C-alpha cells in the first residue's frame, strides 16, 4: 500500500479492517474519515509523499515512520498520529545533512540509553574522587542532552506540523502531547541518570 491509497474508500476500509480492533489509547476507528483528509492535505503540500509506502500492522498500538526504509508503519486509525508521521516523512525523505545528523544522533542515543545506568554505577564505584566523578557525570549529562536534541527537535517539528493541520486542536493535543512527553522522557533518561549519580 502507498500513502495515496489512504485517500480512497478502499484504502480506508482496509486500514480499519486491519487495525480497527487494536486496543490502544491512540486507536480511534470512528475517526477513519479524517485519515483521507490528512493524507490529501499532505500530498497537496508535497506530491512526493503520495508514493510513501504504508505498512498496516495489526496489534501495533501506535504509528511510526521507519527512517531507514522510508515507510510509515500504521497500527492505529488516528488522523493526528498519521499527520505526525507524515511530518517525519516530509522532513526525512530527502537525503541530506539533516537526515545524516539525525540518524547518527539517534544511533548514539540508543546506545547511550543502554549504557547510561551501568556507566553511572561504574563511575560511582570506581572513581573515588568526588569532584572528578562529579565533573565526569556532569559532562556525560550535558553530552547526553546534546545527543538527544536532534531527535527531540524532529519530534517537535512533526508534532507541530500535525497540530497545525488538525481540525480539532484539543483532540490533537490529547494524542500528540502524551506521545511527545514519552519521547522526551526516553530521550532525556540518560542525562537524568548521570545527574542522579552526582554526589
C-alpha atoms as a PDB file:
ATOM      1  CA  UNK A   1       0.000   0.000   0.000  1.00  0.00           C
ATOM      2  CA  UNK A   2       1.163   3.549  -0.679  1.00  0.00           C
ATOM      3  CA  UNK A   3       0.033   6.732   1.021  1.00  0.00           C
ATOM      4  CA  UNK A   4      -2.192   7.804  -1.874  1.00  0.00           C
ATOM      5  CA  UNK A   5      -4.285   4.657  -1.276  1.00  0.00           C
ATOM      6  CA  UNK A   6      -5.438   6.192   2.014  1.00  0.00           C
ATOM      7  CA  UNK A   7      -7.325   8.880   0.088  1.00  0.00           C
ATOM      8  CA  UNK A   8      -9.681   6.220  -1.296  1.00  0.00           C
ATOM      9  CA  UNK A   9     -12.620   4.473   0.397  1.00  0.00           C
ATOM     10  CA  UNK A  10     -10.997   1.091  -0.359  1.00  0.00           C
ATOM     11  CA  UNK A  11      -7.752   2.126   1.342  1.00  0.00           C
ATOM     12  CA  UNK A  12      -9.574   3.482   4.391  1.00  0.00           C
ATOM     13  CA  UNK A  13     -11.680   0.321   4.613  1.00  0.00           C
ATOM     14  CA  UNK A  14      -8.538  -1.834   4.521  1.00  0.00           C
ATOM     15  CA  UNK A  15      -6.931   0.328   7.247  1.00  0.00           C
ATOM     16  CA  UNK A  16      -9.946  -0.105   9.526  1.00  0.00           C
ATOM     17  CA  UNK A  17     -10.169  -3.847   8.803  1.00  0.00           C
ATOM     18  CA  UNK A  18      -6.511  -4.444   9.628  1.00  0.00           C
ATOM     19  CA  UNK A  19      -6.068  -2.081  12.586  1.00  0.00           C
ATOM     20  CA  UNK A  20      -9.577  -1.297  13.812  1.00  0.00           C
ATOM     21  CA  UNK A  21      -9.535  -3.932  16.538  1.00  0.00           C
ATOM     22  CA  UNK A  22      -6.225  -2.838  18.063  1.00  0.00           C
ATOM     23  CA  UNK A  23      -6.662  -1.888  21.703  1.00  0.00           C
ATOM     24  CA  UNK A  24      -4.786   1.369  22.200  1.00  0.00           C
ATOM     25  CA  UNK A  25      -5.101   4.856  23.630  1.00  0.00           C
ATOM     26  CA  UNK A  26      -4.325   6.117  20.119  1.00  0.00           C
ATOM     27  CA  UNK A  27      -6.735   3.959  18.106  1.00  0.00           C
ATOM     28  CA  UNK A  28      -9.975   5.659  17.013  1.00  0.00           C
ATOM     29  CA  UNK A  29     -11.619   3.675  14.177  1.00  0.00           C
ATOM     30  CA  UNK A  30     -14.607   6.048  14.345  1.00  0.00           C
ATOM     31  CA  UNK A  31     -12.322   8.822  13.029  1.00  0.00           C
ATOM     32  CA  UNK A  32     -11.377   6.970   9.837  1.00  0.00           C
ATOM     33  CA  UNK A  33     -12.915   9.678   7.663  1.00  0.00           C
ATOM     34  CA  UNK A  34     -10.258  12.115   8.918  1.00  0.00           C
ATOM     35  CA  UNK A  35      -7.447   9.906   7.556  1.00  0.00           C
ATOM     36  CA  UNK A  36      -8.248  10.742   3.921  1.00  0.00           C
ATOM     37  CA  UNK A  37      -8.337  14.463   4.716  1.00  0.00           C
ATOM     38  CA  UNK A  38      -4.947  14.397   6.464  1.00  0.00           C
ATOM     39  CA  UNK A  39      -3.361  12.386   3.658  1.00  0.00           C
ATOM     40  CA  UNK A  40      -4.816  14.607   0.924  1.00  0.00           C
ATOM     41  CA  UNK A  41      -3.505  17.749   2.675  1.00  0.00           C
ATOM     42  CA  UNK A  42      -0.034  16.217   2.956  1.00  0.00           C
ATOM     43  CA  UNK A  43       0.050  15.098  -0.676  1.00  0.00           C
ATOM     44  CA  UNK A  44      -1.191  18.501  -1.853  1.00  0.00           C
ATOM     45  CA  UNK A  45       1.621  20.192   0.111  1.00  0.00           C
ATOM     46  CA  UNK A  46       4.245  17.672  -1.085  1.00  0.00           C
ATOM     47  CA  UNK A  47       3.209  15.447  -4.020  1.00  0.00           C
ATOM     48  CA  UNK A  48       6.273  13.220  -3.458  1.00  0.00           C
ATOM     49  CA  UNK A  49       4.577  11.852  -0.344  1.00  0.00           C
ATOM     50  CA  UNK A  50       1.930  10.111  -2.465  1.00  0.00           C
ATOM     51  CA  UNK A  51       4.306   7.207  -3.093  1.00  0.00           C
ATOM     52  CA  UNK A  52       5.472   6.694   0.500  1.00  0.00           C
ATOM     53  CA  UNK A  53       4.944   3.057   1.445  1.00  0.00           C
ATOM     54  CA  UNK A  54       2.456   2.348   4.220  1.00  0.00           C
ATOM     55  CA  UNK A  55       2.619  -0.949   6.065  1.00  0.00           C
ATOM     56  CA  UNK A  56      -0.500  -1.836   8.070  1.00  0.00           C
ATOM     57  CA  UNK A  57       0.255  -3.751  11.246  1.00  0.00           C
ATOM     58  CA  UNK A  58      -2.498  -5.354  13.307  1.00  0.00           C
ATOM     59  CA  UNK A  59      -1.821  -5.369  17.046  1.00  0.00           C
ATOM     60  CA  UNK A  60       0.613  -2.440  16.839  1.00  0.00           C
ATOM     61  CA  UNK A  61      -0.846   0.148  19.214  1.00  0.00           C
ATOM     62  CA  UNK A  62       0.735   3.168  17.502  1.00  0.00           C
ATOM     63  CA  UNK A  63       2.247   4.529  14.283  1.00  0.00           C
ATOM     64  CA  UNK A  64       5.892   5.013  13.278  1.00  0.00           C
ATOM     65  CA  UNK A  65       7.955   6.387  10.432  1.00  0.00           C
ATOM     66  CA  UNK A  66      10.747   3.976   9.555  1.00  0.00           C
ATOM     67  CA  UNK A  67      13.634   6.302   8.613  1.00  0.00           C
ATOM     68  CA  UNK A  68      15.709   3.532   7.069  1.00  0.00           C
ATOM     69  CA  UNK A  69      13.015   2.191   4.760  1.00  0.00           C
ATOM     70  CA  UNK A  70      11.154   5.440   4.185  1.00  0.00           C
ATOM     71  CA  UNK A  71       7.826   3.881   5.118  1.00  0.00           C
ATOM     72  CA  UNK A  72       5.017   4.598   7.541  1.00  0.00           C
ATOM     73  CA  UNK A  73       4.082   1.706   9.805  1.00  0.00           C
ATOM     74  CA  UNK A  74       0.483   2.181  10.840  1.00  0.00           C
ATOM     75  CA  UNK A  75      -1.235   0.169  13.528  1.00  0.00           C
ATOM     76  CA  UNK A  76      -3.989   2.581  14.524  1.00  0.00           C
ATOM     77  CA  UNK A  77      -6.756   4.635  12.957  1.00  0.00           C
ATOM     78  CA  UNK A  78      -5.872   8.124  14.149  1.00  0.00           C
ATOM     79  CA  UNK A  79      -5.592  11.146  11.824  1.00  0.00           C
ATOM     80  CA  UNK A  80      -3.416  13.066  14.318  1.00  0.00           C
ATOM     81  CA  UNK A  81      -0.957  10.186  14.746  1.00  0.00           C
ATOM     82  CA  UNK A  82      -0.772   9.755  10.964  1.00  0.00           C
ATOM     83  CA  UNK A  83      -0.267  13.520  10.478  1.00  0.00           C
ATOM     84  CA  UNK A  84       2.651  13.336  12.913  1.00  0.00           C
ATOM     85  CA  UNK A  85       4.263  10.500  10.942  1.00  0.00           C
ATOM     86  CA  UNK A  86       3.659  12.423   7.717  1.00  0.00           C
ATOM     87  CA  UNK A  87       5.615  15.275   9.279  1.00  0.00           C
ATOM     88  CA  UNK A  88       8.549  12.877   9.702  1.00  0.00           C
ATOM     89  CA  UNK A  89       8.121  11.582   6.150  1.00  0.00           C
ATOM     90  CA  UNK A  90       8.126  15.120   4.776  1.00  0.00           C
ATOM     91  CA  UNK A  91      11.242  16.078   6.779  1.00  0.00           C
ATOM     92  CA  UNK A  92      13.247  12.905   6.223  1.00  0.00           C
ATOM     93  CA  UNK A  93      12.502  11.636   2.724  1.00  0.00           C
ATOM     94  CA  UNK A  94      15.158  13.889   1.264  1.00  0.00           C
ATOM     95  CA  UNK A  95      18.727  12.683   1.609  1.00  0.00           C
ATOM     96  CA  UNK A  96      20.969  15.285   3.130  1.00  0.00           C
ATOM     97  CA  UNK A  97      22.935  16.538   6.060  1.00  0.00           C
ATOM     98  CA  UNK A  98      19.859  16.847   8.312  1.00  0.00           C
ATOM     99  CA  UNK A  99      18.942  13.195   7.894  1.00  0.00           C
ATOM    100  CA  UNK A 100      22.548  12.060   8.390  1.00  0.00           C
ATOM    101  CA  UNK A 101      22.899  14.077  11.595  1.00  0.00           C
ATOM    102  CA  UNK A 102      19.564  12.801  12.876  1.00  0.00           C
ATOM    103  CA  UNK A 103      20.409   9.159  12.097  1.00  0.00           C
ATOM    104  CA  UNK A 104      23.819   9.458  13.762  1.00  0.00           C
ATOM    105  CA  UNK A 105      22.379  11.194  16.837  1.00  0.00           C
ATOM    106  CA  UNK A 106      19.586   8.609  17.145  1.00  0.00           C
ATOM    107  CA  UNK A 107      22.084   5.746  16.873  1.00  0.00           C
ATOM    108  CA  UNK A 108      24.314   7.190  19.577  1.00  0.00           C
ATOM    109  CA  UNK A 109      21.253   7.978  21.725  1.00  0.00           C
ATOM    110  CA  UNK A 110      20.083   4.333  21.534  1.00  0.00           C
ATOM    111  CA  UNK A 111      23.496   3.150  22.724  1.00  0.00           C
ATOM    112  CA  UNK A 112      23.519   5.808  25.443  1.00  0.00           C
ATOM    113  CA  UNK A 113      20.113   4.627  26.684  1.00  0.00           C
ATOM    114  CA  UNK A 114      21.608   1.180  27.257  1.00  0.00           C
ATOM    115  CA  UNK A 115      24.936   2.178  28.804  1.00  0.00           C
ATOM    116  CA  UNK A 116      23.925   5.176  30.958  1.00  0.00           C
ATOM    117  CA  UNK A 117      22.954   3.257  34.088  1.00  0.00           C
ATOM    118  CA  UNK A 118      25.927   0.829  34.081  1.00  0.00           C
ATOM    119  CA  UNK A 119      28.296   3.725  33.302  1.00  0.00           C
ATOM    120  CA  UNK A 120      26.930   5.836  36.136  1.00  0.00           C
ATOM    121  CA  UNK A 121      27.170   2.920  38.581  1.00  0.00           C
ATOM    122  CA  UNK A 122      30.727   2.131  37.463  1.00  0.00           C
ATOM    123  CA  UNK A 123      31.753   5.756  37.952  1.00  0.00           C
ATOM    124  CA  UNK A 124      30.166   5.784  41.418  1.00  0.00           C
ATOM    125  CA  UNK A 125      32.021   2.600  42.309  1.00  0.00           C
ATOM    126  CA  UNK A 126      35.461   3.144  40.769  1.00  0.00           C
ATOM    127  CA  UNK A 127      36.095   6.897  40.719  1.00  0.00           C
ATOM    128  CA  UNK A 128      36.837   7.710  44.339  1.00  0.00           C
ATOM    129  CA  UNK A 129      37.480  11.463  43.981  1.00  0.00           C
ATOM    130  CA  UNK A 130      34.016  13.092  44.360  1.00  0.00           C
ATOM    131  CA  UNK A 131      34.980  16.245  42.439  1.00  0.00           C
ATOM    132  CA  UNK A 132      36.377  14.318  39.496  1.00  0.00           C
ATOM    133  CA  UNK A 133      33.391  11.962  39.489  1.00  0.00           C
ATOM    134  CA  UNK A 134      31.003  14.930  39.603  1.00  0.00           C
ATOM    135  CA  UNK A 135      32.782  16.588  36.662  1.00  0.00           C
ATOM    136  CA  UNK A 136      32.609  13.398  34.601  1.00  0.00           C
ATOM    137  CA  UNK A 137      28.916  12.826  35.390  1.00  0.00           C
ATOM    138  CA  UNK A 138      28.054  16.467  34.697  1.00  0.00           C
ATOM    139  CA  UNK A 139      29.837  16.264  31.337  1.00  0.00           C
ATOM    140  CA  UNK A 140      28.125  12.989  30.443  1.00  0.00           C
ATOM    141  CA  UNK A 141      24.760  14.506  31.339  1.00  0.00           C
ATOM    142  CA  UNK A 142      25.400  17.527  29.096  1.00  0.00           C
ATOM    143  CA  UNK A 143      26.627  15.377  26.205  1.00  0.00           C
ATOM    144  CA  UNK A 144      23.583  13.102  26.595  1.00  0.00           C
ATOM    145  CA  UNK A 145      21.232  16.078  26.392  1.00  0.00           C
ATOM    146  CA  UNK A 146      23.046  17.357  23.291  1.00  0.00           C
ATOM    147  CA  UNK A 147      22.811  13.923  21.652  1.00  0.00           C
ATOM    148  CA  UNK A 148      19.064  13.778  22.377  1.00  0.00           C
ATOM    149  CA  UNK A 149      18.390  17.273  20.995  1.00  0.00           C
ATOM    150  CA  UNK A 150      18.186  16.469  17.236  1.00  0.00           C
ATOM    151  CA  UNK A 151      15.681  13.654  17.800  1.00  0.00           C
ATOM    152  CA  UNK A 152      13.556  15.778  20.119  1.00  0.00           C
ATOM    153  CA  UNK A 153      13.583  18.672  17.658  1.00  0.00           C
ATOM    154  CA  UNK A 154      12.431  16.309  14.898  1.00  0.00           C
ATOM    155  CA  UNK A 155       9.620  15.029  17.146  1.00  0.00           C
ATOM    156  CA  UNK A 156       8.618  18.599  17.986  1.00  0.00           C
ATOM    157  CA  UNK A 157       8.644  19.549  14.297  1.00  0.00           C
ATOM    158  CA  UNK A 158       6.439  16.591  13.317  1.00  0.00           C
ATOM    159  CA  UNK A 159       4.040  17.243  16.214  1.00  0.00           C
ATOM    160  CA  UNK A 160       3.822  20.947  15.376  1.00  0.00           C
ATOM    161  CA  UNK A 161       3.002  20.148  11.752  1.00  0.00           C
ATOM    162  CA  UNK A 162       0.337  17.653  12.823  1.00  0.00           C
ATOM    163  CA  UNK A 163      -1.164  20.136  15.296  1.00  0.00           C
ATOM    164  CA  UNK A 164      -1.303  22.932  12.712  1.00  0.00           C
ATOM    165  CA  UNK A 165      -3.312  20.742  10.328  1.00  0.00           C
ATOM    166  CA  UNK A 166      -5.570  19.176  12.967  1.00  0.00           C
ATOM    167  CA  UNK A 167      -9.243  20.110  12.588  1.00  0.00           C
ATOM    168  CA  UNK A 168      -9.807  19.509  16.307  1.00  0.00           C
ATOM    169  CA  UNK A 169      -6.903  21.093  18.212  1.00  0.00           C
ATOM    170  CA  UNK A 170      -7.987  19.786  21.618  1.00  0.00           C
ATOM    171  CA  UNK A 171      -8.190  16.212  20.374  1.00  0.00           C
ATOM    172  CA  UNK A 172      -4.800  16.615  18.678  1.00  0.00           C
ATOM    173  CA  UNK A 173      -3.231  17.743  21.962  1.00  0.00           C
ATOM    174  CA  UNK A 174      -4.660  14.606  23.598  1.00  0.00           C
ATOM    175  CA  UNK A 175      -2.869  12.450  21.012  1.00  0.00           C
ATOM    176  CA  UNK A 176       0.313  14.392  20.334  1.00  0.00           C
ATOM    177  CA  UNK A 177       1.033  15.672  23.859  1.00  0.00           C
ATOM    178  CA  UNK A 178       1.427  12.305  25.625  1.00  0.00           C
ATOM    179  CA  UNK A 179       3.396  10.888  22.668  1.00  0.00           C
ATOM    180  CA  UNK A 180       5.836  13.804  22.732  1.00  0.00           C
ATOM    181  CA  UNK A 181       6.222  13.551  26.509  1.00  0.00           C
ATOM    182  CA  UNK A 182       7.028   9.833  26.165  1.00  0.00           C
ATOM    183  CA  UNK A 183       9.682  10.635  23.535  1.00  0.00           C
ATOM    184  CA  UNK A 184      11.126  13.332  25.761  1.00  0.00           C
ATOM    185  CA  UNK A 185      11.245  11.061  28.809  1.00  0.00           C
ATOM    186  CA  UNK A 186      13.020   8.317  26.857  1.00  0.00           C
ATOM    187  CA  UNK A 187      15.438  10.727  25.189  1.00  0.00           C
ATOM    188  CA  UNK A 188      16.371  12.576  28.370  1.00  0.00           C
ATOM    189  CA  UNK A 189      16.633   9.498  30.600  1.00  0.00           C
ATOM    190  CA  UNK A 190      20.433   9.076  30.179  1.00  0.00           C
ATOM    191  CA  UNK A 191      21.005  12.723  31.077  1.00  0.00           C
ATOM    192  CA  UNK A 192      18.816  12.311  34.163  1.00  0.00           C
ATOM    193  CA  UNK A 193      20.630   9.097  35.144  1.00  0.00           C
ATOM    194  CA  UNK A 194      24.010  10.830  35.012  1.00  0.00           C
ATOM    195  CA  UNK A 195      22.601  13.736  37.041  1.00  0.00           C
ATOM    196  CA  UNK A 196      21.198  11.315  39.616  1.00  0.00           C
ATOM    197  CA  UNK A 197      24.643   9.782  40.068  1.00  0.00           C
ATOM    198  CA  UNK A 198      26.273  13.053  41.027  1.00  0.00           C
ATOM    199  CA  UNK A 199      27.320  13.418  44.706  1.00  0.00           C
END
